[in-house]
Structure formats: structure tokens, C-alpha cells
Amino acid sequence: MPPLLESGTPRAMMVNENTVAVYAGLAPDARVLAEHAQDEGVAHEAELGEPIPPAALARAVAEKMQEATQQGGTRPFGASLIIGSCTGSANAAKPCLFQVEPSGWHCKVHATAIGAGAEQLRERLAESWQPSMSARELEELGCRLLGEQLPRTRDMRRWRSSGTATSAVITHSGVTVRRLGIGSGDAHGEGG
């Protein structure tokens, strides 16, 4: 999963041991959605005895987000999510990503960006991303692209002080979340 800019609030939340949700937008709304994802995962596993498939999890979160756009007296959720997980058995597990928007739109993606400057970052990802890239290469690409994008965002002052991004690496053995330095493309970070 590409790195995420940090502004003091952790932007990655574990849904279960193999699934992470990262967000852009309002932290309280994202927490509500992450808790909903956790509840859906627990209910699915209790009922069927297996982890919830990532596509079903993304759909459940998208339905909750979409419902908020139709109910009187409520406002839409103010957060977009990227849900990352692994599917398949341990020997044949494949990482997958789903992007979920406040309207309820959701889609499986290979590489994506959410938040300020996301459209330009998605264009650059489409040019640069290759399916054969290693986790380290993806982190370096993400850091380089974020470093290029920062001067163009209105929130640059918030990010300049931390100079860090969060990267969630998803493998068949679980999820690793790390903080990375951004700018030059050097993905040097600390485990987390």
C-alpha cells in the first residue's frame, strides 16, 4: 500500500490481523468506519468460521457510507478509505486494495491515492506503478511522489514539520505499518 502523509494523527487502523484501513479526511468519521469494518469482520468470522473476504468488507463499509447520504438528519461521512488485505491461503495469498469513497462508491484497485492532490498522484501512479515492484520499491515510489506533490497542496505546512508518511505493507503473514521519511524517494523508516 502506498505511503500516507502523517499530520500527527495515525492514519492507519487495523481491522484484523491481515487487514488495514487507511484514511484521508475526518479522523472521527474514519474511526467509526474502521469500527464498523471490525464489527463486520467479527460477525462474519463468528457466523462462517473464516475471515471476511476483503471485497465483502469493502462493500459493507461502502454501504454504511452510502446510507449516510440518504438519511435525513445525517451528513455524509467525511473520510475516504483504502482497505488493504490478503486473499487466499498462506501459500497463495495475494494482497488486494479497495478504495471506498463517502458516496459509497468502492472499487478494487492496484494503486491509488486519496485526500489532497489525489488526482495528480493517481495519474503519476498509473505512469510509474508496475505489478512486479517489491514493497521497498513501492515505498520509495510513494515517498518520491508525495515529495513531488507536497509543494502543490494547500496543507503543505502541516506536513512539512513531520516530514513523514505511513506505509502499510501487506503480506500473507500479516500487515506491517511503518513511518517513512518523504521527499527524495528514500524510504527509510521505523517499524511499527
Protein backbone atom coordinates (compact mmCIF):
# COMPACT_ATOMS: atom_id res chain seq x y z
CA MET A 1 0.00 0.00 0.00
CA PRO A 2 1.47 3.40 -0.87
CA PRO A 3 2.66 5.68 1.94
CA LEU A 4 0.29 8.13 3.59
CA LEU A 5 1.14 11.58 4.80
CA GLU A 6 1.17 11.97 8.57
CA SER A 7 -0.03 15.05 10.39
CA GLY A 8 0.14 13.83 13.96
CA THR A 9 -2.91 11.55 13.89
CA PRO A 10 -2.28 7.92 12.91
CA ARG A 11 -3.94 7.35 9.55
CA ALA A 12 -3.75 3.56 9.53
CA MET A 13 -6.12 1.43 11.61
CA MET A 14 -6.03 -2.34 11.90
CA VAL A 15 -9.31 -4.07 11.05
CA ASN A 16 -7.96 -7.56 11.81
CA GLU A 17 -4.54 -9.21 11.72
CA ASN A 18 -4.43 -9.26 7.89
CA THR A 19 -6.46 -6.15 7.05
CA VAL A 20 -5.68 -2.47 7.44
CA ALA A 21 -7.78 0.61 6.68
CA VAL A 22 -6.07 3.90 5.93
CA TYR A 23 -7.93 7.15 5.53
CA ALA A 24 -7.91 10.73 4.39
CA GLY A 25 -10.41 13.12 5.91
CA LEU A 26 -12.05 13.45 9.30
CA ALA A 27 -10.45 11.15 11.89
CA PRO A 28 -13.65 10.63 13.95
CA ASP A 29 -15.57 9.56 10.84
CA ALA A 30 -12.76 7.21 9.83
CA ARG A 31 -12.73 5.65 13.32
CA VAL A 32 -16.49 4.99 13.07
CA LEU A 33 -15.97 3.33 9.68
CA ALA A 34 -12.99 1.29 10.91
CA GLU A 35 -15.00 0.10 13.92
CA HIS A 36 -17.84 -0.84 11.57
CA ALA A 37 -15.34 -2.82 9.46
CA GLN A 38 -14.07 -4.57 12.60
CA ASP A 39 -17.63 -5.43 13.67
CA GLU A 40 -18.44 -6.79 10.19
CA GLY A 41 -15.27 -8.90 10.26
CA VAL A 42 -16.02 -10.34 13.70
CA ALA A 43 -19.65 -11.12 12.76
CA HIS A 44 -18.61 -12.81 9.52
CA GLU A 45 -15.97 -14.92 11.25
CA ALA A 46 -18.37 -15.90 14.06
CA GLU A 47 -21.04 -16.93 11.57
CA LEU A 48 -18.93 -18.65 8.91
CA GLY A 49 -15.71 -19.53 10.74
CA GLU A 50 -13.44 -17.75 8.26
CA PRO A 51 -12.10 -14.22 7.83
CA ILE A 52 -14.28 -11.84 5.85
CA PRO A 53 -13.19 -11.51 2.22
CA PRO A 54 -11.78 -8.03 1.51
CA ALA A 55 -14.36 -7.39 -1.23
CA ALA A 56 -17.21 -8.12 1.20
CA LEU A 57 -15.61 -5.89 3.83
CA ALA A 58 -15.23 -3.00 1.36
CA ARG A 59 -18.86 -3.46 0.26
CA ALA A 60 -20.10 -3.40 3.88
CA VAL A 61 -18.20 -0.18 4.61
CA ALA A 62 -19.37 1.36 1.32
CA GLU A 63 -23.00 0.51 2.15
CA LYS A 64 -22.68 2.25 5.54
CA MET A 65 -21.17 5.31 3.84
CA GLN A 66 -23.85 5.35 1.14
CA GLU A 67 -26.68 5.04 3.70
CA ALA A 68 -25.47 8.25 5.34
CA THR A 69 -26.05 10.11 2.07
CA GLN A 70 -29.75 9.15 2.05
CA GLN A 71 -30.90 9.52 5.64
CA GLY A 72 -32.48 12.73 6.77
CA GLY A 73 -30.73 14.42 9.68
CA THR A 74 -27.36 12.86 8.95
CA ARG A 75 -24.42 14.09 6.96
CA PRO A 76 -22.21 12.04 4.67
CA PHE A 77 -19.04 10.62 6.17
CA GLY A 78 -16.10 12.96 5.73
CA ALA A 79 -13.44 10.33 5.06
CA SER A 80 -12.22 8.20 2.19
CA LEU A 81 -10.68 4.80 2.92
CA ILE A 82 -8.25 2.42 1.34
CA ILE A 83 -8.76 -1.10 2.67
CA GLY A 84 -5.85 -3.46 2.17
CA SER A 85 -5.77 -7.17 2.87
CA CYS A 86 -4.61 -10.56 1.64
CA THR A 87 -6.84 -13.15 0.00
CA GLY A 88 -6.25 -16.85 -0.40
CA SER A 89 -4.33 -19.42 1.60
CA ALA A 90 -0.98 -18.66 3.21
CA ASN A 91 0.97 -20.22 0.34
CA ALA A 92 -1.01 -18.49 -2.41
CA ALA A 93 -2.06 -15.28 -0.66
CA LYS A 94 -2.38 -12.19 -2.82
CA PRO A 95 -2.57 -8.64 -1.47
CA CYS A 96 -5.52 -6.56 -2.63
CA LEU A 97 -6.67 -2.96 -2.21
CA PHE A 98 -10.11 -1.39 -2.26
CA GLN A 99 -10.83 2.32 -2.38
CA VAL A 100 -14.05 3.44 -0.67
CA GLU A 101 -15.44 6.97 -1.07
CA PRO A 102 -18.01 8.86 1.07
CA SER A 103 -20.67 8.45 -1.64
CA GLY A 104 -20.49 4.68 -1.19
CA TRP A 105 -18.53 4.14 -4.39
CA HIS A 106 -15.96 1.39 -3.97
CA CYS A 107 -13.60 -0.35 -6.33
CA LYS A 108 -10.72 -2.83 -6.30
CA VAL A 109 -7.51 -1.03 -7.26
CA HIS A 110 -3.84 -1.85 -7.81
CA ALA A 111 -2.50 1.51 -6.69
CA THR A 112 -4.39 4.60 -5.62
CA ALA A 113 -4.29 7.83 -3.64
CA ILE A 114 -6.89 9.61 -1.53
CA GLY A 115 -7.01 13.07 0.00
CA ALA A 116 -5.47 16.36 -1.12
CA GLY A 117 -3.78 16.09 -4.51
CA ALA A 118 -5.06 12.53 -5.03
CA GLU A 119 -5.95 13.00 -8.69
CA GLN A 120 -2.42 14.06 -9.64
CA LEU A 121 -0.92 11.28 -7.51
CA ARG A 122 -3.16 8.68 -9.17
CA GLU A 123 -2.00 9.91 -12.59
CA ARG A 124 1.65 9.59 -11.54
CA LEU A 125 0.99 6.16 -10.02
CA ALA A 126 -0.59 5.00 -13.28
CA GLU A 127 2.61 6.04 -15.09
CA SER A 128 5.05 4.54 -12.58
CA TRP A 129 3.45 1.53 -10.87
CA GLN A 130 4.42 -1.96 -12.05
CA PRO A 131 2.90 -5.22 -10.73
CA SER A 132 6.37 -6.69 -10.17
CA MET A 133 7.50 -3.93 -7.77
CA SER A 134 8.73 -5.00 -4.33
CA ALA A 135 7.38 -3.49 -1.12
CA ARG A 136 10.56 -1.41 -0.79
CA GLU A 137 10.24 -0.13 -4.39
CA LEU A 138 6.60 0.78 -3.75
CA GLU A 139 7.52 2.66 -0.57
CA GLU A 140 10.27 4.55 -2.41
CA LEU A 141 7.90 5.39 -5.27
CA GLY A 142 5.25 6.61 -2.82
CA CYS A 143 7.73 8.76 -0.90
CA ARG A 144 9.11 10.26 -4.11
CA LEU A 145 5.63 11.05 -5.48
CA LEU A 146 4.46 12.53 -2.17
CA GLY A 147 7.62 14.65 -2.02
CA GLU A 148 6.89 15.96 -5.51
CA GLN A 149 3.23 16.62 -4.66
CA LEU A 150 3.72 18.41 -1.32
CA PRO A 151 4.58 21.85 -2.72
CA ARG A 152 1.30 21.78 -4.64
CA THR A 153 -1.01 21.02 -1.71
CA ARG A 154 -2.72 23.60 0.43
CA ASP A 155 -1.81 21.57 3.53
CA MET A 156 1.93 21.70 2.94
CA ARG A 157 2.67 23.47 6.26
CA ARG A 158 1.04 20.64 8.21
CA TRP A 159 3.24 18.01 6.58
CA ARG A 160 6.49 19.97 6.45
CA SER A 161 7.01 19.73 10.20
CA SER A 162 6.68 15.95 10.40
CA GLY A 163 8.28 15.02 7.08
CA THR A 164 6.86 11.52 7.49
CA ALA A 165 4.39 9.21 5.82
CA THR A 166 2.83 5.93 6.88
CA SER A 167 3.28 2.81 4.79
CA ALA A 168 1.25 -0.36 5.29
CA VAL A 169 2.89 -3.44 3.77
CA ILE A 170 0.51 -6.37 3.37
CA THR A 171 1.83 -9.91 3.01
CA HIS A 172 0.43 -13.39 3.62
CA SER A 173 1.89 -13.25 7.13
CA GLY A 174 0.12 -10.03 8.11
CA VAL A 175 0.34 -6.26 7.96
CA THR A 176 3.36 -4.13 8.85
CA VAL A 177 2.84 -0.40 9.37
CA ARG A 178 5.91 1.85 9.21
CA ARG A 179 6.64 5.58 9.32
CA LEU A 180 8.80 6.76 6.44
CA GLY A 181 10.70 9.92 5.56
CA ILE A 182 9.34 11.61 2.43
CA GLY A 183 10.73 13.74 -0.33
CA SER A 184 13.78 12.31 -2.04
CA GLY A 185 12.39 8.82 -2.56
CA ASP A 186 14.46 7.35 0.26
CA ALA A 187 12.05 5.13 2.14
CA HIS A 188 13.83 4.98 5.46
CA GLY A 189 11.55 4.23 8.30
CA GLU A 190 10.94 2.69 11.64
CA GLY A 191 8.87 -0.44 12.15
CA GLY A 192 5.53 -0.16 13.80
